C-alpha atoms as a PDB file:
ATOM      1  CA  MET A   1      42.766 213.768  67.533  1.00  0.00           C
ATOM      2  CA  ALA A   2      44.541 215.107  70.589  1.00  0.00           C
ATOM      3  CA  ARG A   3      48.289 214.605  70.549  1.00  0.00           C
ATOM      4  CA  GLU A   4      48.976 211.397  72.487  1.00  0.00           C
ATOM      5  CA  GLY A   5      52.749 211.333  72.278  1.00  0.00           C
ATOM      6  CA  THR A   6      55.806 211.794  70.112  1.00  0.00           C
ATOM      7  CA  ALA A   7      55.922 208.392  68.437  1.00  0.00           C
ATOM      8  CA  ARG A   8      54.992 208.523  64.767  1.00  0.00           C
ATOM      9  CA  ASP A   9      53.099 205.889  62.841  1.00  0.00           C
ATOM     10  CA  ARG A  10      52.706 206.762  59.178  1.00  0.00           C
ATOM     11  CA  ARG A  11      49.518 204.716  58.908  1.00  0.00           C
ATOM     12  CA  LEU A  12      47.852 206.603  61.760  1.00  0.00           C
ATOM     13  CA  ASP A  13      49.217 209.925  60.520  1.00  0.00           C
ATOM     14  CA  THR A  14      47.585 209.193  57.180  1.00  0.00           C
ATOM     15  CA  VAL A  15      44.249 208.448  58.846  1.00  0.00           C
ATOM     16  CA  ARG A  16      44.376 211.602  60.985  1.00  0.00           C
ATOM     17  CA  SER A  17      45.284 213.793  58.009  1.00  0.00           C
ATOM     18  CA  LEU A  18      42.378 212.472  55.976  1.00  0.00           C
ATOM     19  CA  ALA A  19      40.010 212.694  58.954  1.00  0.00           C
ATOM     20  CA  ILE A  20      40.631 216.401  59.579  1.00  0.00           C
ATOM     21  CA  ILE A  21      40.045 217.152  55.900  1.00  0.00           C
ATOM     22  CA  MET A  22      36.776 215.239  56.195  1.00  0.00           C
ATOM     23  CA  VAL A  23      35.749 217.403  59.175  1.00  0.00           C
ATOM     24  CA  LEU A  24      36.242 220.544  57.092  1.00  0.00           C
ATOM     25  CA  VAL A  25      34.283 219.025  54.204  1.00  0.00           C
ATOM     26  CA  ILE A  26      31.377 218.083  56.495  1.00  0.00           C
ATOM     27  CA  HIS A  27      31.103 221.603  57.874  1.00  0.00           C
ATOM     28  CA  SER A  28      31.547 223.143  54.419  1.00  0.00           C
ATOM     29  CA  ALA A  29      28.736 221.004  53.005  1.00  0.00           C
ATOM     30  CA  ALA A  30      26.365 221.661  55.930  1.00  0.00           C
ATOM     31  CA  ALA A  31      24.942 224.921  54.575  1.00  0.00           C
ATOM     32  CA  GLY A  32      24.224 223.297  51.217  1.00  0.00           C
ATOM     33  CA  LEU A  33      22.413 220.380  52.818  1.00  0.00           C
ATOM     34  CA  ALA A  34      20.307 222.564  55.086  1.00  0.00           C
ATOM     35  CA  GLY A  35      19.780 225.438  52.668  1.00  0.00           C
ATOM     36  CA  ARG A  36      18.653 223.606  49.543  1.00  0.00           C
ATOM     37  CA  ALA A  37      15.594 221.524  48.756  1.00  0.00           C
ATOM     38  CA  PRO A  38      16.169 217.744  48.952  1.00  0.00           C
ATOM     39  CA  GLY A  39      16.393 216.128  45.550  1.00  0.00           C
ATOM     40  CA  THR A  40      17.782 219.142  43.707  1.00  0.00           C
ATOM     41  CA  ALA A  41      21.106 218.873  41.883  1.00  0.00           C
ATOM     42  CA  ASP A  42      22.965 221.133  44.330  1.00  0.00           C
ATOM     43  CA  TRP A  43      21.502 219.281  47.313  1.00  0.00           C
ATOM     44  CA  TRP A  44      22.682 215.996  45.798  1.00  0.00           C
ATOM     45  CA  GLY A  45      26.153 217.467  45.436  1.00  0.00           C
ATOM     46  CA  ALA A  46      26.222 218.633  49.053  1.00  0.00           C
ATOM     47  CA  LEU A  47      25.027 215.208  50.191  1.00  0.00           C
ATOM     48  CA  LEU A  48      27.718 213.534  48.102  1.00  0.00           C
ATOM     49  CA  TRP A  49      30.425 215.518  49.897  1.00  0.00           C
ATOM     50  CA  GLY A  50      28.799 215.331  53.330  1.00  0.00           C
ATOM     51  CA  ALA A  51      28.108 211.596  53.243  1.00  0.00           C
ATOM     52  CA  ALA A  52      31.558 210.655  51.934  1.00  0.00           C
ATOM     53  CA  ALA A  53      33.236 212.657  54.717  1.00  0.00           C
ATOM     54  CA  ARG A  54      31.007 211.431  57.527  1.00  0.00           C
ATOM     55  CA  PRO A  55      33.473 208.949  59.088  1.00  0.00           C
ATOM     56  CA  ALA A  56      35.729 211.812  60.244  1.00  0.00           C
ATOM     57  CA  VAL A  57      35.114 211.701  64.007  1.00  0.00           C
ATOM     58  CA  PRO A  58      35.088 207.886  64.368  1.00  0.00           C
ATOM     59  CA  LEU A  59      38.413 207.854  62.535  1.00  0.00           C
ATOM     60  CA  PHE A  60      39.964 210.009  65.245  1.00  0.00           C
ATOM     61  CA  PHE A  61      38.816 207.560  67.910  1.00  0.00           C
ATOM     62  CA  LEU A  62      40.205 204.632  65.941  1.00  0.00           C
ATOM     63  CA  CYS A  63      43.571 206.435  65.821  1.00  0.00           C
ATOM     64  CA  SER A  64      43.548 207.377  69.502  1.00  0.00           C
ATOM     65  CA  GLY A  65      42.644 203.850  70.513  1.00  0.00           C
ATOM     66  CA  ALA A  66      45.283 202.345  68.248  1.00  0.00           C
ATOM     67  CA  LEU A  67      47.906 204.410  70.091  1.00  0.00           C
ATOM     68  CA  MET A  68      46.600 204.528  73.640  1.00  0.00           C
ATOM     69  CA  ASN A  69      45.766 200.814  73.916  1.00  0.00           C
ATOM     70  CA  ASP A  70      49.315 199.845  72.973  1.00  0.00           C
ATOM     71  CA  PRO A  71      50.598 197.785  75.945  1.00  0.00           C
ATOM     72  CA  GLY A  72      54.044 199.272  75.357  1.00  0.00           C
ATOM     73  CA  ARG A  73      52.822 202.791  76.112  1.00  0.00           C
ATOM     74  CA  ASP A  74      52.984 204.113  79.671  1.00  0.00           C
ATOM     75  CA  VAL A  75      49.358 204.911  80.516  1.00  0.00           C
ATOM     76  CA  SER A  76      49.162 204.229  84.233  1.00  0.00           C
ATOM     77  CA  VAL A  77      46.092 205.559  86.036  1.00  0.00           C
ATOM     78  CA  ARG A  78      48.237 208.286  87.600  1.00  0.00           C
ATOM     79  CA  ARG A  79      49.663 209.323  84.222  1.00  0.00           C
ATOM     80  CA  LEU A  80      46.233 209.118  82.637  1.00  0.00           C
ATOM     81  CA  PHE A  81      44.852 211.722  85.028  1.00  0.00           C
ATOM     82  CA  SER A  82      47.943 213.884  85.527  1.00  0.00           C
ATOM     83  CA  ARG A  83      48.799 214.195  81.848  1.00  0.00           C
ATOM     84  CA  TYR A  84      46.179 213.144  79.352  1.00  0.00           C
ATOM     85  CA  LEU A  85      42.948 214.046  81.118  1.00  0.00           C
ATOM     86  CA  LEU A  86      44.417 217.195  82.652  1.00  0.00           C
ATOM     87  CA  ARG A  87      45.494 218.386  79.224  1.00  0.00           C
ATOM     88  CA  LEU A  88      42.027 217.734  77.831  1.00  0.00           C
ATOM     89  CA  LEU A  89      40.417 219.658  80.684  1.00  0.00           C
ATOM     90  CA  ALA A  90      42.774 222.592  80.186  1.00  0.00           C
ATOM     91  CA  ALA A  91      42.111 222.698  76.457  1.00  0.00           C
ATOM     92  CA  LEU A  92      38.342 222.387  76.911  1.00  0.00           C
ATOM     93  CA  ALA A  93      38.317 225.206  79.474  1.00  0.00           C
ATOM     94  CA  ALA A  94      40.451 227.546  77.362  1.00  0.00           C
ATOM     95  CA  TRP A  95      38.642 226.956  74.086  1.00  0.00           C
ATOM     96  CA  GLY A  96      35.274 226.946  75.815  1.00  0.00           C
ATOM     97  CA  VAL A  97      35.962 230.441  77.173  1.00  0.00           C
ATOM     98  CA  PHE A  98      37.313 231.605  73.814  1.00  0.00           C
ATOM     99  CA  TYR A  99      34.202 230.508  71.935  1.00  0.00           C
ATOM    100  CA  GLU A 100      31.842 231.905  74.559  1.00  0.00           C
ATOM    101  CA  LEU A 101      33.535 235.286  74.136  1.00  0.00           C
ATOM    102  CA  PHE A 102      33.299 234.801  70.388  1.00  0.00           C
ATOM    103  CA  ARG A 103      29.607 233.935  70.669  1.00  0.00           C
ATOM    104  CA  MET A 104      29.032 237.065  72.759  1.00  0.00           C
ATOM    105  CA  PHE A 105      30.700 239.079  70.002  1.00  0.00           C
ATOM    106  CA  THR A 106      28.430 237.589  67.339  1.00  0.00           C
ATOM    107  CA  LEU A 107      25.362 238.339  69.519  1.00  0.00           C
ATOM    108  CA  ARG A 108      26.429 241.863  70.443  1.00  0.00           C
ATOM    109  CA  GLY A 109      23.515 244.270  70.490  1.00  0.00           C
ATOM    110  CA  SER A 110      20.909 241.493  70.687  1.00  0.00           C
ATOM    111  CA  ALA A 111      20.768 241.682  74.499  1.00  0.00           C
ATOM    112  CA  PRO A 112      22.349 243.669  77.356  1.00  0.00           C
ATOM    113  CA  LEU A 113      25.955 242.818  78.140  1.00  0.00           C
ATOM    114  CA  GLY A 114      24.996 241.429  81.552  1.00  0.00           C
ATOM    115  CA  THR A 115      22.552 239.011  79.929  1.00  0.00           C
ATOM    116  CA  LEU A 116      25.163 237.823  77.445  1.00  0.00           C
ATOM    117  CA  LEU A 117      27.717 237.332  80.223  1.00  0.00           C
ATOM    118  CA  ARG A 118      25.247 235.364  82.307  1.00  0.00           C
ATOM    119  CA  GLY A 119      24.399 233.199  79.302  1.00  0.00           C
ATOM    120  CA  ALA A 120      28.098 232.554  78.642  1.00  0.00           C
ATOM    121  CA  ALA A 121      28.705 231.607  82.275  1.00  0.00           C
ATOM    122  CA  GLU A 122      25.734 229.231  82.240  1.00  0.00           C
ATOM    123  CA  ASN A 123      26.940 227.618  79.014  1.00  0.00           C
ATOM    124  CA  LEU A 124      30.362 226.994  80.522  1.00  0.00           C
ATOM    125  CA  PHE A 125      28.912 225.694  83.801  1.00  0.00           C
ATOM    126  CA  TYR A 126      26.494 223.285  82.128  1.00  0.00           C
ATOM    127  CA  GLY A 127      28.914 222.211  79.412  1.00  0.00           C
ATOM    128  CA  ASN A 128      26.842 223.761  76.612  1.00  0.00           C
ATOM    129  CA  THR A 129      29.976 224.710  74.730  1.00  0.00           C
ATOM    130  CA  TYR A 130      30.359 225.752  71.090  1.00  0.00           C
ATOM    131  CA  TYR A 131      29.055 223.055  68.783  1.00  0.00           C
ATOM    132  CA  HIS A 132      32.322 221.374  67.754  1.00  0.00           C
ATOM    133  CA  LEU A 133      33.679 221.096  71.300  1.00  0.00           C
ATOM    134  CA  TYR A 134      31.355 218.149  71.934  1.00  0.00           C
ATOM    135  CA  TYR A 135      34.319 216.100  70.755  1.00  0.00           C
ATOM    136  CA  PHE A 136      36.066 216.578  74.108  1.00  0.00           C
ATOM    137  CA  TYR A 137      33.331 214.792  76.027  1.00  0.00           C
ATOM    138  CA  PHE A 138      33.631 211.715  73.848  1.00  0.00           C
ATOM    139  CA  VAL A 139      37.422 211.730  74.254  1.00  0.00           C
ATOM    140  CA  PHE A 140      36.836 211.745  78.020  1.00  0.00           C
ATOM    141  CA  ALA A 141      34.756 208.586  77.566  1.00  0.00           C
ATOM    142  CA  LEU A 142      37.563 206.950  75.615  1.00  0.00           C
ATOM    143  CA  TYR A 143      40.277 207.951  78.091  1.00  0.00           C
ATOM    144  CA  LEU A 144      38.362 207.116  81.284  1.00  0.00           C
ATOM    145  CA  THR A 145      37.841 203.554  80.071  1.00  0.00           C
ATOM    146  CA  LEU A 146      41.432 203.013  78.929  1.00  0.00           C
ATOM    147  CA  PRO A 147      42.361 200.952  82.019  1.00  0.00           C
ATOM    148  CA  LEU A 148      39.683 198.450  80.916  1.00  0.00           C
ATOM    149  CA  THR A 149      40.353 198.400  77.168  1.00  0.00           C
ATOM    150  CA  ARG A 150      44.114 198.221  77.763  1.00  0.00           C
ATOM    151  CA  LEU A 151      43.564 195.056  79.809  1.00  0.00           C
ATOM    152  CA  ALA A 152      41.818 193.521  76.806  1.00  0.00           C
ATOM    153  CA  ALA A 153      44.551 194.712  74.450  1.00  0.00           C
ATOM    154  CA  ARG A 154      47.302 193.274  76.672  1.00  0.00           C
ATOM    155  CA  PHE A 155      45.895 190.026  78.001  1.00  0.00           C
ATOM    156  CA  ALA A 156      42.991 188.953  75.768  1.00  0.00           C
ATOM    157  CA  SER A 157      43.715 186.589  72.909  1.00  0.00           C
ATOM    158  CA  ASP A 158      42.827 187.554  69.357  1.00  0.00           C
ATOM    159  CA  GLY A 159      39.705 185.415  69.598  1.00  0.00           C
ATOM    160  CA  GLU A 160      38.678 187.023  72.867  1.00  0.00           C
ATOM    161  CA  GLN A 161      39.235 190.498  71.417  1.00  0.00           C
ATOM    162  CA  ARG A 162      37.091 189.610  68.418  1.00  0.00           C
ATOM    163  CA  TYR A 163      34.372 188.405  70.781  1.00  0.00           C
ATOM    164  CA  ILE A 164      34.495 191.662  72.784  1.00  0.00           C
ATOM    165  CA  LEU A 165      34.325 193.685  69.567  1.00  0.00           C
ATOM    166  CA  ALA A 166      31.434 191.560  68.262  1.00  0.00           C
ATOM    167  CA  VAL A 167      29.386 192.186  71.422  1.00  0.00           C
ATOM    168  CA  TRP A 168      30.245 195.888  71.258  1.00  0.00           C
ATOM    169  CA  PHE A 169      29.226 196.046  67.576  1.00  0.00           C
ATOM    170  CA  LEU A 170      25.963 194.254  68.309  1.00  0.00           C
ATOM    171  CA  ALA A 171      25.006 196.663  71.120  1.00  0.00           C
ATOM    172  CA  GLY A 172      26.513 199.879  69.763  1.00  0.00           C
ATOM    173  CA  GLY A 173      25.989 199.322  66.064  1.00  0.00           C
ATOM    174  CA  LEU A 174      23.327 196.831  65.035  1.00  0.00           C
ATOM    175  CA  LEU A 175      20.858 197.210  67.920  1.00  0.00           C
ATOM    176  CA  ARG A 176      21.365 200.974  68.058  1.00  0.00           C
ATOM    177  CA  PHE A 177      20.404 201.181  64.385  1.00  0.00           C
ATOM    178  CA  PHE A 178      17.650 198.575  64.179  1.00  0.00           C
ATOM    179  CA  LYS A 179      15.867 199.809  67.318  1.00  0.00           C
ATOM    180  CA  HIS A 180      14.207 202.311  64.972  1.00  0.00           C
ATOM    181  CA  PHE A 181      12.748 199.560  62.765  1.00  0.00           C
ATOM    182  CA  TRP A 182      10.259 196.735  63.172  1.00  0.00           C
ATOM    183  CA  PRO A 183      10.291 194.353  64.991  1.00  0.00           C
ATOM    184  CA  ILE A 184      12.868 195.669  67.478  1.00  0.00           C
ATOM    185  CA  SER A 185      11.075 199.017  67.617  1.00  0.00           C
ATOM    186  CA  GLN A 186       8.086 197.179  69.117  1.00  0.00           C
ATOM    187  CA  MET A 187      10.065 195.509  71.880  1.00  0.00           C
ATOM    188  CA  GLN A 188       9.914 198.560  74.125  1.00  0.00           C
ATOM    189  CA  SER A 189      12.527 198.265  76.885  1.00  0.00           C
ATOM    190  CA  SER A 190      13.122 194.496  76.917  1.00  0.00           C
ATOM    191  CA  LEU A 191      15.916 194.358  74.331  1.00  0.00           C
ATOM    192  CA  LEU A 192      16.710 198.065  74.277  1.00  0.00           C
ATOM    193  CA  TYR A 193      18.463 197.858  77.640  1.00  0.00           C
ATOM    194  CA  PHE A 194      21.389 196.448  75.679  1.00  0.00           C
ATOM    195  CA  VAL A 195      21.693 199.435  73.327  1.00  0.00           C
ATOM    196  CA  LEU A 196      24.835 201.471  73.985  1.00  0.00           C
ATOM    197  CA  PRO A 197      24.714 205.295  74.038  1.00  0.00           C
ATOM    198  CA  ALA A 198      27.099 207.242  71.833  1.00  0.00           C
ATOM    199  CA  ALA A 199      29.657 207.807  74.602  1.00  0.00           C
ATOM    200  CA  ALA A 200      29.974 204.055  75.183  1.00  0.00           C
ATOM    201  CA  ILE A 201      30.761 203.519  71.501  1.00  0.00           C
ATOM    202  CA  CYS A 202      34.055 205.432  71.790  1.00  0.00           C
ATOM    203  CA  PRO A 203      35.938 202.871  73.944  1.00  0.00           C
ATOM    204  CA  GLY A 204      34.884 200.162  71.503  1.00  0.00           C
ATOM    205  CA  LEU A 205      36.195 202.227  68.600  1.00  0.00           C
ATOM    206  CA  GLY A 206      39.460 202.607  70.484  1.00  0.00           C
ATOM    207  CA  LEU A 207      39.847 198.858  70.970  1.00  0.00           C
ATOM    208  CA  LEU A 208      38.874 198.274  67.333  1.00  0.00           C
ATOM    209  CA  GLY A 209      41.591 200.716  66.256  1.00  0.00           C
ATOM    210  CA  TRP A 210      44.173 198.748  68.242  1.00  0.00           C
ATOM    211  CA  TYR A 211      42.946 195.430  66.834  1.00  0.00           C
ATOM    212  CA  MET A 212      43.113 196.687  63.238  1.00  0.00           C
ATOM    213  CA  ARG A 213      46.550 198.155  63.874  1.00  0.00           C
ATOM    214  CA  CYS A 214      47.742 194.698  64.963  1.00  0.00           C
ATOM    215  CA  HIS A 215      46.049 192.972  62.019  1.00  0.00           C
ATOM    216  CA  PRO A 216      46.809 194.928  58.806  1.00  0.00           C
ATOM    217  CA  PRO A 217      44.629 194.336  55.738  1.00  0.00           C
ATOM    218  CA  ARG A 218      45.832 191.900  53.114  1.00  0.00           C
ATOM    219  CA  SER A 219      44.623 194.028  50.214  1.00  0.00           C
ATOM    220  CA  TRP A 220      42.871 197.270  49.362  1.00  0.00           C
ATOM    221  CA  ALA A 221      39.630 195.416  48.562  1.00  0.00           C
ATOM    222  CA  GLU A 222      38.664 194.985  52.220  1.00  0.00           C
ATOM    223  CA  GLY A 223      38.764 198.710  52.957  1.00  0.00           C
ATOM    224  CA  LEU A 224      37.148 199.711  49.684  1.00  0.00           C
ATOM    225  CA  GLY A 225      34.314 197.247  50.161  1.00  0.00           C
ATOM    226  CA  LEU A 226      33.551 198.485  53.680  1.00  0.00           C
ATOM    227  CA  PHE A 227      33.653 202.128  52.654  1.00  0.00           C
ATOM    228  CA  ALA A 228      31.621 201.673  49.471  1.00  0.00           C
ATOM    229  CA  GLY A 229      28.930 199.640  51.226  1.00  0.00           C
ATOM    230  CA  GLY A 230      28.623 202.049  54.125  1.00  0.00           C
ATOM    231  CA  PHE A 231      28.605 205.062  51.822  1.00  0.00           C
ATOM    232  CA  ALA A 232      25.909 203.630  49.560  1.00  0.00           C
ATOM    233  CA  VAL A 233      23.518 203.053  52.464  1.00  0.00           C
ATOM    234  CA  THR A 234      24.333 206.424  54.056  1.00  0.00           C
ATOM    235  CA  PHE A 235      23.865 208.352  50.816  1.00  0.00           C
ATOM    236  CA  LEU A 236      20.773 206.573  49.535  1.00  0.00           C
ATOM    237  CA  GLY A 237      19.164 206.346  52.964  1.00  0.00           C
ATOM    238  CA  THR A 238      19.582 210.073  53.582  1.00  0.00           C
ATOM    239  CA  TRP A 239      18.302 210.882  50.105  1.00  0.00           C
ATOM    240  CA  GLY A 240      15.195 208.713  50.482  1.00  0.00           C
ATOM    241  CA  ARG A 241      14.222 209.904  53.958  1.00  0.00           C
ATOM    242  CA  SER A 242      14.929 213.552  53.159  1.00  0.00           C
ATOM    243  CA  VAL A 243      12.906 213.595  49.947  1.00  0.00           C
ATOM    244  CA  GLU A 244      10.030 211.895  51.740  1.00  0.00           C
ATOM    245  CA  ALA A 245      10.164 214.413  54.606  1.00  0.00           C
ATOM    246  CA  GLY A 246      10.734 217.443  52.367  1.00  0.00           C
ATOM    247  CA  ALA A 247      13.699 218.493  54.536  1.00  0.00           C
ATOM    248  CA  LEU A 248      17.096 217.133  55.515  1.00  0.00           C
ATOM    249  CA  ASP A 249      16.788 213.961  57.593  1.00  0.00           C
ATOM    250  CA  GLN A 250      20.070 213.197  59.355  1.00  0.00           C
ATOM    251  CA  PHE A 251      19.272 209.710  60.622  1.00  0.00           C
ATOM    252  CA  TYR A 252      21.836 208.030  58.353  1.00  0.00           C
ATOM    253  CA  LEU A 253      24.307 210.893  58.855  1.00  0.00           C
ATOM    254  CA  ASP A 254      24.650 210.217  62.593  1.00  0.00           C
ATOM    255  CA  GLY A 255      28.391 210.375  63.279  1.00  0.00           C
ATOM    256  CA  PHE A 256      28.188 207.165  65.333  1.00  0.00           C
ATOM    257  CA  GLY A 257      25.586 205.482  63.154  1.00  0.00           C
ATOM    258  CA  LEU A 258      25.994 201.886  62.001  1.00  0.00           C
ATOM    259  CA  PHE A 259      26.972 202.553  58.401  1.00  0.00           C
ATOM    260  CA  VAL A 260      29.156 205.533  59.261  1.00  0.00           C
ATOM    261  CA  LEU A 261      31.129 203.217  61.559  1.00  0.00           C
ATOM    262  CA  VAL A 262      31.429 200.746  58.687  1.00  0.00           C
ATOM    263  CA  MET A 263      32.735 203.550  56.462  1.00  0.00           C
ATOM    264  CA  ALA A 264      35.258 204.547  59.131  1.00  0.00           C
ATOM    265  CA  ALA A 265      36.605 201.010  59.353  1.00  0.00           C
ATOM    266  CA  GLY A 266      36.924 200.968  55.567  1.00  0.00           C
ATOM    267  CA  VAL A 267      38.834 204.251  55.428  1.00  0.00           C
ATOM    268  CA  PHE A 268      41.127 203.086  58.247  1.00  0.00           C
ATOM    269  CA  ARG A 269      41.871 199.893  56.319  1.00  0.00           C
ATOM    270  CA  LEU A 270      42.542 201.777  53.079  1.00  0.00           C
ATOM    271  CA  CYS A 271      44.945 204.148  54.836  1.00  0.00           C
ATOM    272  CA  GLN A 272      46.721 201.208  56.464  1.00  0.00           C
ATOM    273  CA  TRP A 273      47.148 199.516  53.113  1.00  0.00           C
ATOM    274  CA  ALA A 274      48.321 202.659  51.305  1.00  0.00           C
ATOM    275  CA  ALA A 275      50.689 203.915  54.005  1.00  0.00           C
ATOM    276  CA  SER A 276      52.316 200.510  54.450  1.00  0.00           C
ATOM    277  CA  ARG A 277      53.596 200.837  50.885  1.00  0.00           C
ATOM    278  CA  TRP A 278      55.302 204.172  51.501  1.00  0.00           C
ATOM    279  CA  THR A 279      58.996 204.057  52.255  1.00  0.00           C
ATOM    280  CA  ARG A 280      58.764 207.461  53.899  1.00  0.00           C
ATOM    281  CA  LEU A 281      55.867 209.511  55.246  1.00  0.00           C
ATOM    282  CA  PRO A 282      55.225 212.574  53.034  1.00  0.00           C
ATOM    283  CA  LYS A 283      56.046 215.741  54.980  1.00  0.00           C
ATOM    284  CA  ALA A 284      52.646 217.263  54.204  1.00  0.00           C
ATOM    285  CA  VAL A 285      50.875 214.265  55.737  1.00  0.00           C
ATOM    286  CA  GLY A 286      52.970 214.368  58.901  1.00  0.00           C
ATOM    287  CA  PHE A 287      52.474 218.121  59.245  1.00  0.00           C
ATOM    288  CA  LEU A 288      48.721 217.915  58.748  1.00  0.00           C
ATOM    289  CA  SER A 289      48.465 215.078  61.253  1.00  0.00           C
ATOM    290  CA  ALA A 290      50.377 217.064  63.869  1.00  0.00           C
ATOM    291  CA  ALA A 291      48.197 220.116  63.239  1.00  0.00           C
ATOM    292  CA  SER A 292      44.875 218.242  63.147  1.00  0.00           C
ATOM    293  CA  PHE A 293      43.793 219.027  66.719  1.00  0.00           C
ATOM    294  CA  CYS A 294      44.485 222.733  66.277  1.00  0.00           C
ATOM    295  CA  VAL A 295      42.740 222.784  62.894  1.00  0.00           C
ATOM    296  CA  TYR A 296      39.684 221.171  64.451  1.00  0.00           C
ATOM    297  CA  LEU A 297      39.605 223.711  67.265  1.00  0.00           C
ATOM    298  CA  VAL A 298      40.057 226.926  65.257  1.00  0.00           C
ATOM    299  CA  HIS A 299      38.290 226.299  61.949  1.00  0.00           C
ATOM    300  CA  PRO A 300      34.736 227.271  63.113  1.00  0.00           C
ATOM    301  CA  PHE A 301      36.084 230.736  63.914  1.00  0.00           C
ATOM    302  CA  PHE A 302      37.310 231.173  60.352  1.00  0.00           C
ATOM    303  CA  GLN A 303      34.183 229.613  58.909  1.00  0.00           C
ATOM    304  CA  TYR A 304      32.072 232.262  60.622  1.00  0.00           C
ATOM    305  CA  LEU A 305      34.300 234.999  59.245  1.00  0.00           C
ATOM    306  CA  ALA A 306      34.084 233.490  55.757  1.00  0.00           C
ATOM    307  CA  VAL A 307      30.244 233.585  55.908  1.00  0.00           C
ATOM    308  CA  PRO A 308      29.334 230.097  54.621  1.00  0.00           C
ATOM    309  CA  ASP A 309      26.087 231.344  53.043  1.00  0.00           C
ATOM    310  CA  ARG A 310      28.151 233.225  50.462  1.00  0.00           C
ATOM    311  CA  PHE A 311      29.268 229.897  49.045  1.00  0.00           C
ATOM    312  CA  LEU A 312      25.645 228.929  48.349  1.00  0.00           C
ATOM    313  CA  ALA A 313      25.785 231.136  45.264  1.00  0.00           C
ATOM    314  CA  LEU A 314      28.460 228.866  43.776  1.00  0.00           C
ATOM    315  CA  PRO A 315      28.020 225.376  42.290  1.00  0.00           C
ATOM    316  CA  VAL A 316      28.194 223.033  45.260  1.00  0.00           C
ATOM    317  CA  TYR A 317      30.430 220.473  43.565  1.00  0.00           C
ATOM    318  CA  TRP A 318      33.429 222.777  43.812  1.00  0.00           C
ATOM    319  CA  SER A 319      32.252 225.339  46.402  1.00  0.00           C
ATOM    320  CA  VAL A 320      32.523 222.712  49.177  1.00  0.00           C
ATOM    321  CA  PRO A 321      36.182 221.791  48.501  1.00  0.00           C
ATOM    322  CA  LEU A 322      36.956 225.479  47.919  1.00  0.00           C
ATOM    323  CA  GLN A 323      35.572 226.437  51.325  1.00  0.00           C
ATOM    324  CA  ALA A 324      37.286 223.465  52.975  1.00  0.00           C
ATOM    325  CA  ALA A 325      40.622 224.455  51.411  1.00  0.00           C
ATOM    326  CA  LEU A 326      40.193 228.040  52.635  1.00  0.00           C
ATOM    327  CA  LEU A 327      39.476 226.867  56.184  1.00  0.00           C
ATOM    328  CA  LEU A 328      42.404 224.468  56.067  1.00  0.00           C
ATOM    329  CA  GLY A 329      44.835 227.159  54.927  1.00  0.00           C
ATOM    330  CA  LEU A 330      43.768 229.684  57.567  1.00  0.00           C
ATOM    331  CA  SER A 331      43.772 227.057  60.316  1.00  0.00           C
ATOM    332  CA  LEU A 332      47.246 225.811  59.395  1.00  0.00           C
ATOM    333  CA  LEU A 333      48.599 229.364  59.463  1.00  0.00           C
ATOM    334  CA  THR A 334      47.123 229.714  62.951  1.00  0.00           C
ATOM    335  CA  TYR A 335      48.767 226.452  63.996  1.00  0.00           C
ATOM    336  CA  LEU A 336      52.160 227.710  62.798  1.00  0.00           C
ATOM    337  CA  GLY A 337      51.763 230.698  65.102  1.00  0.00           C
ATOM    338  CA  LEU A 338      50.259 228.968  68.141  1.00  0.00           C
ATOM    339  CA  ARG A 339      52.783 226.141  68.244  1.00  0.00           C
ATOM    340  CA  ARG A 340      55.508 228.713  68.930  1.00  0.00           C
ATOM    341  CA  VAL A 341      53.838 229.615  72.245  1.00  0.00           C
ATOM    342  CA  PRO A 342      55.119 226.995  74.746  1.00  0.00           C
ATOM    343  CA  VAL A 343      52.112 226.854  77.072  1.00  0.00           C
ATOM    344  CA  VAL A 344      49.632 226.852  74.193  1.00  0.00           C
ATOM    345  CA  SER A 345      51.601 224.252  72.257  1.00  0.00           C
ATOM    346  CA  ARG A 346      51.868 221.914  75.237  1.00  0.00           C
ATOM    347  CA  TRP A 347      48.370 222.245  76.710  1.00  0.00           C
ATOM    348  CA  LEU A 348      45.889 223.722  74.259  1.00  0.00           C
ATOM    349  CA  ILE A 349      46.565 222.432  70.738  1.00  0.00           C
END
């Protein structure tokens, strides 16, 4: 999501634009999923929106990897630390402080000021930042491993890249999912040593993004099939487990879960296919892509001000896109203002 450079790729711009809309839809549907009884009509509607938009974050990593693993891009170790990682650290620090001050404001009166300040300082020190800033830590994982994935992108043959991606998918997708089911769940630590944590999935997504960028889809059917299959399992699996538990079960909604990753690959393929048929990138798509990082960073502030619970009184099928559109409009207006501030534009959005 973070701005990697000035070069434009209409296929990646299309993916980023759709991904940031998906983020807003996920957060707009969250109150409906958590606040309604599983199996009710409104809960089904919230799940429909939330499940369809779930590939948002993996899509950003596919885009970043497709750009940053390009052998033609200058990403020396020195440049990696002096530009890309330094910018991420600056943005994380600034937005972390902003949201801690914002959190103190929302908690005003609940504790003495000294207690709130101490809590904010501890949150910043331990990295317990506002909920959506977790994204930074996964970007760090992607960037810190770029010297390795770029070697694969530059020197490995197509067959070798497919082998690397297959091993990554086995450890970070299949085993990570099936470790919760028999018989792998009974294997204790023997096979589970091979299961990748979420942070290790990000470099693999980056390399996958580069591979798919180099190998465009032949038709729309590939992307649609991946998305439809992943969505069906995500939707029906969440519905079944939630109804059984009597409360929302987010196992299938894991942002790095197996079928969410499959959905992300499908959306990426569909965007590649669609954008390759455009003679010119629509201005709205390019603008939204450029603003996506800022929109991601500022929209929780506006969502709090909009009081998401108010939307629970409306039919969920159109209250979710209505709330998402409101957050998008306010966030884009903020981007128009912040991008005029040189230091903010260069380092923080």
